[in-house]
């Protein structure tokens, strides 16, 4: 693969209360023609995550057609699993219903944060509302730390989820450091999930401590996954599978890397890959985990 970077599309200006900074984990929803709504996570002055969006036309993607006037999702009620932030992770459309899976998180005390997976739903043209006050997927007897960003696909009635699973924290000189990789779960309804501990993408070495934001696509009999992985800094990885369960990491073949200078020169992460008009595109973040906005690349 080889990806051609088409430039940075959006970065918050800091003039909106709930969008002071960041445009994290961009994700595309097709509206009509070449027009797409790009969801992302923004932060307010208290660093709480909100879900927002911009609307673009892929024929001229650097021009913003619309910027959200209000958040799609806001932090939850005090004490709930998402009272520190509600960050969209994946949108799955089945029939008339749109399922927006999101990362809800709380600030921690002994560790910086705790994540869970929540759900908001909407009709084809309606606004999203929380499916429940609590999370769909949370820490458990066998996953005691946290779960996070996910990709959800519905294939012939079977729901597949690839999600971040934290395996532990290590106390470092500058504070606790998490260690997480990507696991797999299945469901019959997209609500109740079966988890048996199956690892989809595991650590490549002891130095690698974070694998996140899976983006899975089915190409005929082949399953493809893009994700973020890091030791010293984030980069984008790639894997292939014949069944969506057993994966081979092929990071060397991903075909996209940090730039020599500019907004994505220090790191590159949180890919979202989609097809339109016979072309494959990738949305992604650069420096600062979305603080410098998000960009677009095309497969050539």
Foldseek 3Di string as FASTA:
>chain_A
DAWFFPDFQDWDPCPDQAANFFFFQWAWDDDDDQKIKIWGWGHGPVRATFIWTWIAGVVDRNDTPDTDPDTLGGADDPPFAANRYWTWFEWEDDPQKIKTKTWGWDQDDQAGIAIAIFIWMDGNPGGTDGPDSHGLGFADPVQNGTKHHWYWYADPQKIKIKTKGWPDWDQDPVGIDIAIAIAMWIDRPVRHIDGDPQGADDDPDPQKGDKGRWAWDDDDQKIKIWIWIDRPAIEIWIWIDRPSRHIDTDRVPPNDFADCDDQANGYKGNWYWDDDPNWIKIKIGHPPNRRSHITMITDD
